[in-house]
Amino acid sequence: MKVNFGVFAHNSRDWERVQAGDYSRPPATPDYELVQRAFALADLAEPLGFDGIWAPEHQGTPYGMTPNPLQALTYFAARTRHISLGSMVVVTPWWNPIRLAHQIAYLDILSNGRYDTIGLGRGVSKSEFAAVGVPREESRQRFDETLDILKLAFSQERFSYEGKIFKIPEMSLRPAPKSRDLYSRIYGSSSTLDSLEILSRRGMVPLFVGNKPLEEAGKEVQMVNTIRREIGLPPCQPKNVVFMYCTPTAEEASRADEYILTAGRDVALHYGFADPSNFIGVAGYEAYANRAAGATALLAAAARGTEQNQPKAPGYHPSNLMIGTPDEVIKRIMAAQQACSFSEVTIVAQFGTMPYDEAERSTKLFAKEVLPVIHKMEAPLNPPALPPEAAA
């Protein structure tokens, strides 16, 4: 099975200053240092034997500071020779679709066709949408129209488009991409069943970015494959992103408790999950208002430095945590694949307040003891991910 490396830059210890609105002093650690450390960690991916490097899209807060994943992936395309590239995810409503199509096509050329997972998503954070001047109420329409435009751009030399938001005169992508199958490389990330159904009826394969229990993800894959059968498509397998911390002993793995707790806090603060007013009445985001109670409890726990009931945080369910000794991590990855039938996995090796030197030690141990085993492991489409009648 293919194993990718996810590159994230967090300034997790700066949230106290940001929450207090104390901008009279700079962060204790400058953002650029953390970006450089994250990229130095990802530089190890190809020499250590990982199969791909993936990057997210986030800006404006201490969380996941990567304002343009295609820019980050272009950097790694130049520094690597064989490793594949993936996005988790490009937040599509923030982009002009023609600019996005051209940048995907250009990265395809610069990487010699190695951008093989074009992960796209709709976005959530109120502050991120506000900063780029895009109404969240338009996110689904913008996402749908952008998918239409990308399909045209990647399949026809000349195309035009007339949508509710975007109106594209007849044109061509120049330079045209090297690969002719770019649209088939697009994966859709969703956090709600409504969005997942919409994407599935478009024929898109899911990309799970560590945002739900794996058992639940397995049921969603079954739902996707049931829809695919209805519309005449073969069953599919998702790709999955999980969080990894590999330690020589089980006792040392307990250090991850702080990192997961602070990572969950970062998610809650960045997305505004603790305040239901960020989502109530916003078309397309009704389901997120229900997460407020859990996020509020999480923030209280993070302030005390203690853990609360599982799951620990929105998006960090224990089943997504590949934490422990090499043997334990191997068992967890195998169980996760059995649960939701993912075809490949991307590990996130640094999260929350974890120091980058600690993430480097964990990554090297994972590469030495876990990666060879997972590379030999099959990644089948398991019966629970098939429509009920097919599984029987």
Protein backbone atom coordinates (compact mmCIF):
# COMPACT_ATOMS: atom_id res chain seq x y z
CA MET A 1 0.00 0.00 0.00
CA LYS A 2 1.15 3.50 -0.82
CA VAL A 3 2.03 5.78 2.12
CA ASN A 4 2.30 9.56 1.71
CA PHE A 5 3.68 12.28 3.97
CA GLY A 6 1.54 15.28 4.92
CA VAL A 7 3.36 18.58 5.45
CA PHE A 8 1.80 21.00 7.97
CA ALA A 9 3.11 24.21 9.55
CA HIS A 10 1.47 25.06 12.88
CA ASN A 11 2.23 27.84 15.36
CA SER A 12 0.12 26.11 17.97
CA ARG A 13 1.63 27.89 20.98
CA ASP A 14 0.54 31.27 19.60
CA TRP A 15 -3.19 30.74 20.09
CA GLU A 16 -3.18 32.30 23.59
CA ARG A 17 -1.81 35.57 22.19
CA VAL A 18 -4.22 35.49 19.23
CA GLN A 19 -7.24 34.72 21.43
CA ALA A 20 -6.30 37.58 23.74
CA GLY A 21 -5.96 39.93 20.77
CA ASP A 22 -2.53 40.91 22.03
CA TYR A 23 -0.90 42.06 18.80
CA SER A 24 1.41 44.47 20.63
CA ARG A 25 4.01 41.68 20.64
CA PRO A 26 5.02 39.20 17.95
CA PRO A 27 4.68 35.41 18.23
CA ALA A 28 7.30 33.81 20.46
CA THR A 29 8.32 31.73 17.43
CA PRO A 30 8.08 33.48 14.04
CA ASP A 31 5.81 31.77 11.53
CA TYR A 32 8.57 31.49 8.94
CA GLU A 33 10.66 29.32 11.26
CA LEU A 34 7.82 26.84 11.62
CA VAL A 35 7.18 26.77 7.86
CA GLN A 36 10.87 26.10 7.29
CA ARG A 37 10.88 23.31 9.89
CA ALA A 38 7.79 21.71 8.36
CA PHE A 39 9.38 21.78 4.91
CA ALA A 40 12.65 20.38 6.26
CA LEU A 41 10.67 17.48 7.73
CA ALA A 42 8.94 16.87 4.41
CA ASP A 43 12.33 16.90 2.67
CA LEU A 44 12.93 13.56 4.41
CA ALA A 45 9.95 11.94 2.70
CA GLU A 46 11.60 10.78 -0.53
CA PRO A 47 14.93 9.64 1.04
CA LEU A 48 13.01 7.70 3.71
CA GLY A 49 10.91 5.87 1.12
CA PHE A 50 7.51 7.59 1.34
CA ASP A 51 5.46 7.54 -1.85
CA GLY A 52 4.05 11.07 -1.90
CA ILE A 53 3.99 14.52 -0.30
CA TRP A 54 0.64 16.16 0.39
CA ALA A 55 -0.15 19.74 1.45
CA PRO A 56 -3.27 21.48 2.85
CA GLU A 57 -4.69 24.99 2.32
CA HIS A 58 -5.07 27.25 5.35
CA GLN A 59 -4.25 30.86 6.11
CA GLY A 60 -4.84 33.69 8.53
CA THR A 61 -4.49 31.80 11.85
CA PRO A 62 -1.74 29.75 13.55
CA TYR A 63 -3.29 26.55 12.15
CA GLY A 64 -1.96 24.73 9.08
CA MET A 65 -0.25 27.78 7.60
CA THR A 66 -0.12 26.88 3.87
CA PRO A 67 -1.89 29.59 1.87
CA ASN A 68 -1.35 27.87 -1.48
CA PRO A 69 -0.89 24.08 -1.58
CA LEU A 70 0.00 24.17 -5.28
CA GLN A 71 2.88 26.54 -4.52
CA ALA A 72 4.11 24.21 -1.78
CA LEU A 73 3.81 21.17 -4.05
CA THR A 74 5.69 22.97 -6.83
CA TYR A 75 8.53 23.52 -4.35
CA PHE A 76 8.65 19.81 -3.60
CA ALA A 77 8.30 18.89 -7.27
CA ALA A 78 11.62 20.67 -7.85
CA ARG A 79 13.31 19.03 -4.85
CA THR A 80 12.26 15.46 -5.61
CA ARG A 81 12.51 13.07 -8.54
CA HIS A 82 10.04 10.24 -8.13
CA ILE A 83 7.66 11.03 -5.28
CA SER A 84 4.03 11.82 -6.12
CA LEU A 85 2.16 14.94 -4.99
CA GLY A 86 -1.29 15.52 -3.49
CA SER A 87 -3.47 18.27 -2.04
CA MET A 88 -5.57 17.88 1.11
CA VAL A 89 -7.30 20.00 -0.01
CA VAL A 90 -7.44 22.95 -2.38
CA VAL A 91 -10.35 24.98 -0.99
CA THR A 92 -12.05 25.46 -4.32
CA PRO A 93 -14.48 28.37 -3.58
CA TRP A 94 -11.52 30.67 -2.79
CA TRP A 95 -10.11 30.25 -6.31
CA ASN A 96 -10.97 31.67 -9.69
CA PRO A 97 -11.59 28.42 -11.59
CA ILE A 98 -9.48 29.40 -14.61
CA ARG A 99 -6.55 30.33 -12.38
CA LEU A 100 -6.97 27.02 -10.59
CA ALA A 101 -7.13 25.04 -13.84
CA HIS A 102 -4.00 26.74 -15.15
CA GLN A 103 -2.07 26.18 -11.92
CA ILE A 104 -3.03 22.49 -11.79
CA ALA A 105 -2.01 22.11 -15.43
CA TYR A 106 1.27 23.94 -14.83
CA LEU A 107 2.10 21.80 -11.79
CA ASP A 108 1.35 18.74 -13.91
CA ILE A 109 4.03 19.92 -16.37
CA LEU A 110 6.59 20.97 -13.76
CA SER A 111 6.23 17.71 -11.82
CA ASN A 112 6.26 15.56 -14.98
CA GLY A 113 2.79 14.26 -14.20
CA ARG A 114 3.37 13.48 -10.52
CA TYR A 115 0.41 15.50 -9.14
CA ASP A 116 -1.78 12.39 -8.89
CA THR A 117 -4.22 13.30 -6.10
CA ILE A 118 -6.02 16.57 -6.77
CA GLY A 119 -7.93 16.85 -3.51
CA LEU A 120 -10.62 19.55 -3.58
CA GLY A 121 -12.93 20.75 -0.82
CA ARG A 122 -15.55 23.38 -0.05
CA GLY A 123 -14.03 24.99 3.06
CA VAL A 124 -15.53 25.81 6.44
CA SER A 125 -13.80 28.62 8.35
CA LYS A 126 -15.75 31.89 8.52
CA SER A 127 -12.56 33.92 8.93
CA GLU A 128 -10.88 32.37 5.88
CA PHE A 129 -13.90 33.04 3.66
CA ALA A 130 -14.21 36.60 4.95
CA ALA A 131 -10.53 37.34 4.34
CA VAL A 132 -10.76 36.43 0.64
CA GLY A 133 -14.14 38.12 0.21
CA VAL A 134 -16.12 35.02 -0.71
CA PRO A 135 -19.56 34.52 0.92
CA ARG A 136 -19.83 31.07 2.47
CA GLU A 137 -23.41 30.89 1.24
CA GLU A 138 -21.95 30.67 -2.29
CA SER A 139 -19.43 27.93 -1.48
CA ARG A 140 -21.45 25.00 -2.81
CA GLN A 141 -22.41 26.81 -6.01
CA ARG A 142 -18.81 27.92 -6.55
CA PHE A 143 -17.55 24.41 -5.87
CA ASP A 144 -20.02 22.84 -8.31
CA GLU A 145 -19.33 25.35 -11.07
CA THR A 146 -15.57 25.03 -10.62
CA LEU A 147 -15.84 21.24 -11.02
CA ASP A 148 -17.81 21.78 -14.24
CA ILE A 149 -15.14 24.16 -15.53
CA LEU A 150 -12.24 21.88 -14.58
CA LYS A 151 -13.91 18.99 -16.40
CA LEU A 152 -14.21 21.09 -19.54
CA ALA A 153 -10.71 22.53 -19.24
CA PHE A 154 -9.07 19.13 -18.80
CA SER A 155 -11.03 17.38 -21.55
CA GLN A 156 -11.36 19.91 -24.38
CA GLU A 157 -8.86 22.15 -26.15
CA ARG A 158 -11.46 24.91 -26.50
CA PHE A 159 -14.24 25.46 -23.98
CA SER A 160 -16.58 28.07 -22.54
CA TYR A 161 -18.92 28.15 -19.57
CA GLU A 162 -22.04 30.03 -18.53
CA GLY A 163 -22.86 29.60 -14.85
CA LYS A 164 -24.65 31.48 -12.12
CA ILE A 165 -21.36 32.82 -10.73
CA PHE A 166 -18.69 32.16 -13.35
CA LYS A 167 -18.95 33.10 -17.03
CA ILE A 168 -16.00 31.94 -19.12
CA PRO A 169 -15.60 33.05 -22.74
CA GLU A 170 -14.31 30.50 -25.24
CA MET A 171 -10.67 29.84 -24.43
CA SER A 172 -7.90 27.27 -24.08
CA LEU A 173 -5.58 26.30 -21.23
CA ARG A 174 -2.11 27.39 -22.28
CA PRO A 175 0.17 25.82 -21.53
CA ALA A 176 -1.94 22.71 -21.79
CA PRO A 177 -1.21 20.02 -19.20
CA LYS A 178 1.06 17.10 -19.99
CA SER A 179 -1.40 14.53 -18.60
CA ARG A 180 -4.72 13.89 -20.30
CA ASP A 181 -6.46 12.35 -17.28
CA LEU A 182 -6.31 15.21 -14.77
CA TYR A 183 -10.05 15.28 -14.08
CA SER A 184 -10.00 11.60 -13.07
CA ARG A 185 -7.37 12.48 -10.45
CA ILE A 186 -9.78 14.77 -8.58
CA TYR A 187 -10.93 13.56 -5.15
CA GLY A 188 -13.61 15.29 -3.09
CA SER A 189 -13.39 15.99 0.63
CA SER A 190 -16.60 16.43 2.63
CA SER A 191 -17.57 16.50 6.28
CA THR A 192 -21.33 16.11 5.93
CA LEU A 193 -23.49 13.40 4.38
CA ASP A 194 -25.28 15.92 2.16
CA SER A 195 -22.00 17.06 0.61
CA LEU A 196 -20.78 13.48 0.27
CA GLU A 197 -23.94 12.47 -1.60
CA ILE A 198 -23.65 15.44 -3.95
CA LEU A 199 -20.03 14.59 -4.73
CA SER A 200 -20.82 10.91 -5.15
CA ARG A 201 -23.56 11.60 -7.68
CA ARG A 202 -20.96 13.51 -9.66
CA GLY A 203 -18.85 10.34 -9.68
CA MET A 204 -16.18 11.72 -7.37
CA VAL A 205 -14.15 9.46 -5.06
CA PRO A 206 -13.97 10.53 -1.40
CA LEU A 207 -10.89 11.87 0.33
CA PHE A 208 -11.13 11.52 4.12
CA VAL A 209 -8.90 14.03 5.89
CA GLY A 210 -8.96 12.51 9.37
CA ASN A 211 -12.32 14.11 9.99
CA LYS A 212 -14.48 11.22 11.20
CA PRO A 213 -14.36 7.87 13.00
CA LEU A 214 -13.11 5.21 10.62
CA GLU A 215 -16.13 2.98 11.28
CA GLU A 216 -18.34 5.87 10.22
CA ALA A 217 -16.10 6.46 7.21
CA GLY A 218 -16.60 2.81 6.25
CA LYS A 219 -20.37 3.26 6.27
CA GLU A 220 -19.96 6.36 4.13
CA VAL A 221 -17.85 4.44 1.61
CA GLN A 222 -20.67 1.90 1.42
CA MET A 223 -23.12 4.75 0.80
CA VAL A 224 -20.85 6.16 -1.92
CA ASN A 225 -20.56 2.79 -3.62
CA THR A 226 -24.32 2.26 -3.42
CA ILE A 227 -24.80 5.59 -5.23
CA ARG A 228 -22.10 4.68 -7.75
CA ARG A 229 -23.91 1.45 -8.56
CA GLU A 230 -27.15 3.42 -9.07
CA ILE A 231 -25.46 5.70 -11.61
CA GLY A 232 -23.60 2.90 -13.38
CA LEU A 233 -20.11 3.33 -11.92
CA PRO A 234 -17.88 0.63 -10.39
CA PRO A 235 -17.14 0.69 -6.64
CA CYS A 236 -14.30 2.92 -5.46
CA GLN A 237 -11.86 3.17 -2.59
CA PRO A 238 -11.20 6.42 -0.70
CA LYS A 239 -7.85 7.86 0.21
CA ASN A 240 -7.36 8.66 3.87
CA VAL A 241 -5.31 11.02 6.04
CA VAL A 242 -4.40 9.92 9.56
CA PHE A 243 -2.27 11.28 12.42
CA MET A 244 0.91 9.41 13.34
CA TYR A 245 3.25 9.42 16.31
CA CYS A 246 5.63 6.45 16.47
CA THR A 247 7.68 5.84 19.62
CA PRO A 248 10.12 3.14 20.77
CA THR A 249 8.00 2.32 23.85
CA ALA A 250 4.33 2.48 24.77
CA GLU A 251 5.17 4.72 27.72
CA GLU A 252 6.68 7.36 25.46
CA ALA A 253 3.53 7.38 23.33
CA SER A 254 1.66 9.04 26.21
CA ARG A 255 3.35 12.30 25.25
CA ALA A 256 0.93 12.40 22.33
CA ASP A 257 -1.93 13.20 24.72
CA GLU A 258 -0.87 16.85 24.89
CA TYR A 259 -0.25 17.08 21.15
CA ILE A 260 -3.66 15.65 20.24
CA LEU A 261 -5.43 17.83 22.78
CA THR A 262 -3.76 21.00 21.50
CA ALA A 263 -4.28 19.94 17.88
CA GLY A 264 -7.98 19.49 18.57
CA ARG A 265 -8.08 22.90 20.22
CA ASP A 266 -6.41 24.38 17.13
CA VAL A 267 -9.09 22.86 14.89
CA ALA A 268 -11.91 24.15 17.09
CA LEU A 269 -10.48 27.68 17.20
CA HIS A 270 -9.51 27.89 13.55
CA TYR A 271 -12.87 26.70 12.26
CA GLY A 272 -14.90 28.48 14.95
CA PHE A 273 -16.60 25.26 16.06
CA ALA A 274 -17.05 26.58 19.62
CA ASP A 275 -19.43 29.31 18.49
CA PRO A 276 -22.61 28.03 16.79
CA SER A 277 -23.35 31.54 15.53
CA ASN A 278 -20.55 30.96 12.99
CA PHE A 279 -22.82 28.45 11.23
CA ILE A 280 -26.47 28.99 12.20
CA GLY A 281 -28.38 30.35 9.26
CA VAL A 282 -25.48 29.89 6.81
CA ALA A 283 -26.77 27.89 3.84
CA GLY A 284 -24.80 24.69 3.37
CA TYR A 285 -23.29 24.70 6.87
CA GLU A 286 -26.25 23.81 9.06
CA ALA A 287 -24.66 20.55 10.27
CA TYR A 288 -21.67 22.37 11.75
CA ALA A 289 -23.74 24.21 14.34
CA ASN A 290 -24.27 20.87 16.10
CA ARG A 291 -20.55 20.56 16.80
CA ALA A 292 -20.45 23.56 19.11
CA ALA A 293 -21.02 21.70 22.38
CA GLY A 294 -18.19 19.26 21.79
CA ALA A 295 -15.81 22.00 20.74
CA THR A 296 -16.62 24.10 23.82
CA ALA A 297 -15.81 21.14 26.09
CA LEU A 298 -12.59 20.56 24.17
CA LEU A 299 -11.43 24.16 24.63
CA ALA A 300 -12.12 23.95 28.36
CA ALA A 301 -10.09 20.75 28.56
CA ALA A 302 -7.23 22.29 26.59
CA ALA A 303 -7.18 25.27 28.94
CA ARG A 304 -6.83 22.88 31.90
CA GLY A 305 -4.34 20.68 30.06
CA THR A 306 -6.52 17.64 30.65
CA GLU A 307 -8.28 15.12 28.47
CA GLN A 308 -12.01 14.65 28.31
CA ASN A 309 -14.30 11.94 26.97
CA GLN A 310 -13.61 10.45 23.57
CA PRO A 311 -13.62 11.55 20.84
CA LYS A 312 -10.98 14.07 21.87
CA ALA A 313 -11.78 16.73 19.30
CA PRO A 314 -13.72 17.50 16.15
CA GLY A 315 -11.72 15.74 13.44
CA TYR A 316 -9.38 13.78 15.74
CA HIS A 317 -11.27 10.62 16.57
CA PRO A 318 -9.09 7.93 18.26
CA SER A 319 -9.51 5.58 15.29
CA ASN A 320 -7.62 8.13 13.16
CA LEU A 321 -4.66 8.21 15.56
CA MET A 322 -1.82 5.92 14.53
CA ILE A 323 0.01 6.35 17.83
CA GLY A 324 2.27 3.94 19.68
CA THR A 325 5.15 1.58 19.07
CA PRO A 326 5.87 0.42 15.51
CA ASP A 327 3.92 -2.80 16.11
CA GLU A 328 0.95 -0.85 17.48
CA VAL A 329 0.99 1.60 14.57
CA ILE A 330 1.07 -1.28 12.08
CA LYS A 331 -1.94 -2.89 13.79
CA ARG A 332 -3.84 0.38 13.78
CA ILE A 333 -3.20 1.05 10.09
CA MET A 334 -4.29 -2.48 9.19
CA ALA A 335 -7.46 -2.10 11.25
CA ALA A 336 -8.16 1.29 9.69
CA GLN A 337 -7.82 -0.10 6.17
CA GLN A 338 -10.17 -2.96 7.06
CA ALA A 339 -12.70 -0.44 8.41
CA CYS A 340 -12.93 1.90 5.43
CA SER A 341 -11.03 0.23 2.57
CA PHE A 342 -8.74 3.14 1.75
CA SER A 343 -6.44 2.56 -1.22
CA GLU A 344 -3.59 4.57 0.26
CA VAL A 345 -2.86 6.53 3.40
CA THR A 346 -1.23 9.88 4.17
CA ILE A 347 0.30 10.35 7.60
CA VAL A 348 0.50 13.68 9.41
CA ALA A 349 3.57 13.45 11.63
CA GLN A 350 3.48 16.85 13.36
CA PHE A 351 0.41 18.33 15.02
CA GLY A 352 -0.49 20.59 17.92
CA THR A 353 2.44 21.54 20.15
CA MET A 354 4.63 18.61 19.09
CA PRO A 355 8.22 19.87 18.58
CA TYR A 356 9.53 19.30 15.07
CA ASP A 357 12.60 17.42 16.30
CA GLU A 358 10.27 14.98 18.03
CA ALA A 359 8.21 14.65 14.84
CA GLU A 360 11.45 13.92 12.97
CA ARG A 361 12.40 11.10 15.36
CA SER A 362 8.91 9.64 15.05
CA THR A 363 9.00 9.88 11.25
CA LYS A 364 12.36 8.15 11.01
CA LEU A 365 11.23 5.32 13.30
CA PHE A 366 8.03 4.95 11.27
CA ALA A 367 10.05 4.82 8.04
CA LYS A 368 12.41 2.20 9.45
CA GLU A 369 9.96 -0.14 11.20
CA VAL A 370 6.46 0.55 9.84
CA LEU A 371 6.80 1.70 6.25
CA PRO A 372 8.32 -1.55 4.87
CA VAL A 373 5.45 -3.55 6.40
CA ILE A 374 2.72 -1.26 5.09
CA HIS A 375 4.32 -1.18 1.63
CA LYS A 376 3.90 -4.96 1.47
CA MET A 377 0.34 -4.80 2.74
CA GLU A 378 -2.58 -5.22 0.36
CA ALA A 379 -5.23 -2.51 0.27
CA PRO A 380 -8.36 -4.39 -0.81
CA LEU A 381 -11.90 -3.18 -1.21
CA ASN A 382 -13.42 -4.95 1.79
CA PRO A 383 -17.05 -6.22 1.94
CA PRO A 384 -18.24 -3.53 4.43
CA ALA A 385 -17.43 -0.86 1.81
CA LEU A 386 -19.62 -2.50 -0.86
CA PRO A 387 -23.37 -2.06 -1.34
CA PRO A 388 -25.20 -4.49 0.98
CA GLU A 389 -26.34 -6.86 -1.77
CA ALA A 390 -22.89 -6.95 -3.39
CA ALA A 391 -21.17 -7.58 -0.04
CA ALA A 392 -23.52 -10.50 0.62
